[in-house]
C-alpha atoms as a PDB file:
ATOM      1  CA  MET A   1       0.079  -0.130   0.083  1.00  0.00           C
ATOM      2  CA  LEU A   2       1.179   3.378  -1.098  1.00  0.00           C
ATOM      3  CA  GLU A   3       0.939   6.572   1.195  1.00  0.00           C
ATOM      4  CA  ILE A   4       1.139  10.188  -0.292  1.00  0.00           C
ATOM      5  CA  GLY A   5       0.462  13.514   1.345  1.00  0.00           C
ATOM      6  CA  ALA A   6      -2.692  15.340  -0.320  1.00  0.00           C
ATOM      7  CA  PHE A   7      -0.430  18.061  -2.124  1.00  0.00           C
ATOM      8  CA  GLU A   8       1.892  15.394  -3.838  1.00  0.00           C
ATOM      9  CA  ALA A   9      -1.271  13.231  -4.930  1.00  0.00           C
ATOM     10  CA  LYS A  10      -2.805  16.522  -6.743  1.00  0.00           C
ATOM     11  CA  ASN A  11       0.123  16.298  -8.477  1.00  0.00           C
ATOM     12  CA  LYS A  12       0.942  12.792  -9.438  1.00  0.00           C
ATOM     13  CA  LEU A  13      -2.728  11.654 -10.004  1.00  0.00           C
ATOM     14  CA  ALA A  14      -1.859  10.229 -13.370  1.00  0.00           C
ATOM     15  CA  ALA A  15       0.878   8.060 -11.572  1.00  0.00           C
ATOM     16  CA  LEU A  16      -1.431   7.092  -8.785  1.00  0.00           C
ATOM     17  CA  LEU A  17      -4.068   6.000 -11.211  1.00  0.00           C
ATOM     18  CA  ASP A  18      -1.580   4.057 -12.853  1.00  0.00           C
ATOM     19  CA  ALA A  19      -0.489   2.268  -9.607  1.00  0.00           C
ATOM     20  CA  VAL A  20      -4.163   1.476  -8.595  1.00  0.00           C
ATOM     21  CA  GLU A  21      -4.931  -0.154 -12.066  1.00  0.00           C
ATOM     22  CA  ARG A  22      -1.871  -2.532 -11.503  1.00  0.00           C
ATOM     23  CA  GLY A  23      -3.388  -3.539  -8.042  1.00  0.00           C
ATOM     24  CA  ASP A  24      -1.857  -1.022  -5.695  1.00  0.00           C
ATOM     25  CA  GLU A  25      -3.915   0.843  -3.000  1.00  0.00           C
ATOM     26  CA  VAL A  26      -3.065   4.546  -2.367  1.00  0.00           C
ATOM     27  CA  VAL A  27      -3.693   6.138   0.935  1.00  0.00           C
ATOM     28  CA  ILE A  28      -3.766   9.684   0.896  1.00  0.00           C
ATOM     29  CA  THR A  29      -2.933  11.799   4.076  1.00  0.00           C
ATOM     30  CA  ARG A  30      -3.185  15.360   5.326  1.00  0.00           C
ATOM     31  CA  ARG A  31      -0.935  16.441   7.967  1.00  0.00           C
ATOM     32  CA  GLY A  32       0.361  12.437   8.363  1.00  0.00           C
ATOM     33  CA  LYS A  33      -3.025  11.415   9.086  1.00  0.00           C
ATOM     34  CA  PRO A  34      -5.177   9.285   6.726  1.00  0.00           C
ATOM     35  CA  VAL A  35      -8.142  10.899   4.719  1.00  0.00           C
ATOM     36  CA  ALA A  36      -8.643   8.798   1.673  1.00  0.00           C
ATOM     37  CA  LYS A  37      -8.008   5.357  -0.088  1.00  0.00           C
ATOM     38  CA  LEU A  38      -7.599   4.994  -3.915  1.00  0.00           C
ATOM     39  CA  VAL A  39      -8.671   1.313  -5.014  1.00  0.00           C
ATOM     40  CA  SER A  40      -9.514  -0.032  -8.274  1.00  0.00           C
ATOM     41  CA  ALA A  41     -13.106   0.331  -9.114  1.00  0.00           C
ATOM     42  CA  THR A  42     -13.325  -3.463  -9.938  1.00  0.00           C
ATOM     43  CA  ALA A  43     -12.185  -4.560  -6.456  1.00  0.00           C
ATOM     44  CA  GLY A  44     -14.307  -5.954  -3.936  1.00  0.00           C
ATOM     45  CA  SER A  45     -16.148  -9.003  -3.369  1.00  0.00           C
ATOM     46  CA  ASP A  46     -17.564 -11.125  -5.657  1.00  0.00           C
ATOM     47  CA  ARG A  47     -21.057 -12.453  -4.016  1.00  0.00           C
ATOM     48  CA  ALA A  48     -21.527 -15.209  -6.327  1.00  0.00           C
ATOM     49  CA  LYS A  49     -17.968 -16.413  -5.971  1.00  0.00           C
ATOM     50  CA  ALA A  50     -18.294 -16.496  -2.240  1.00  0.00           C
ATOM     51  CA  VAL A  51     -21.465 -18.415  -2.206  1.00  0.00           C
ATOM     52  CA  ALA A  52     -19.737 -20.854  -4.667  1.00  0.00           C
ATOM     53  CA  ALA A  53     -16.482 -21.312  -2.575  1.00  0.00           C
ATOM     54  CA  ALA A  54     -18.861 -21.687   0.753  1.00  0.00           C
ATOM     55  CA  HIS A  55     -20.673 -24.333  -1.318  1.00  0.00           C
ATOM     56  CA  ARG A  56     -17.621 -26.272  -2.037  1.00  0.00           C
ATOM     57  CA  ILE A  57     -16.517 -26.179   1.230  1.00  0.00           C
ATOM     58  CA  MET A  58     -19.548 -27.724   2.710  1.00  0.00           C
ATOM     59  CA  ALA A  59     -19.366 -30.435   0.000  1.00  0.00           C
ATOM     60  CA  LEU A  60     -15.928 -31.208   1.245  1.00  0.00           C
ATOM     61  CA  ARG A  61     -16.691 -31.659   4.756  1.00  0.00           C
ATOM     62  CA  GLN A  62     -19.361 -33.931   4.030  1.00  0.00           C
ATOM     63  CA  GLY A  63     -18.522 -37.352   5.609  1.00  0.00           C
ATOM     64  CA  VAL A  64     -15.826 -35.855   7.689  1.00  0.00           C
ATOM     65  CA  THR A  65     -15.870 -36.792  11.642  1.00  0.00           C
ATOM     66  CA  LEU A  66     -13.585 -36.045  14.374  1.00  0.00           C
ATOM     67  CA  GLY A  67     -13.132 -39.551  15.091  1.00  0.00           C
ATOM     68  CA  GLY A  68     -13.950 -41.864  17.892  1.00  0.00           C
ATOM     69  CA  ASP A  69     -15.255 -39.679  21.097  1.00  0.00           C
ATOM     70  CA  VAL A  70     -13.818 -36.413  20.283  1.00  0.00           C
ATOM     71  CA  THR A  71     -16.394 -33.705  20.320  1.00  0.00           C
ATOM     72  CA  LEU A  72     -16.487 -30.124  19.263  1.00  0.00           C
ATOM     73  CA  LYS A  73     -17.263 -29.251  22.648  1.00  0.00           C
ATOM     74  CA  GLY A  74     -14.547 -31.156  24.113  1.00  0.00           C
ATOM     75  CA  LEU A  75     -12.138 -29.315  21.777  1.00  0.00           C
ATOM     76  CA  ILE A  76     -13.051 -26.059  23.001  1.00  0.00           C
ATOM     77  CA  TYR A  77     -13.050 -27.141  26.427  1.00  0.00           C
ATOM     78  CA  ASP A  78      -9.186 -28.513  26.046  1.00  0.00           C
ATOM     79  CA  GLY A  79      -8.246 -25.277  24.352  1.00  0.00           C
ATOM     80  CA  LEU A  80      -9.521 -22.989  27.333  1.00  0.00           C
ATOM     81  CA  ARG A  81      -7.423 -25.252  29.659  1.00  0.00           C
END
């Protein structure tokens, strides 16, 4: 992630847009404090992909057990000790 002051960002906007296009994120600061972030317009989550991934994970776990007398409650309890 790149960090740049507001005055410099104004003067280098084209170069910053090129960096964002390459996948970088740019934080613009004023007096050292972050005030804005430049990110790709196409960046973000794709709900359809996330749902498909969740379905694949659920399908993979079908038939998987902890084995024997191991329970989730027991594992949590052991982790708290």
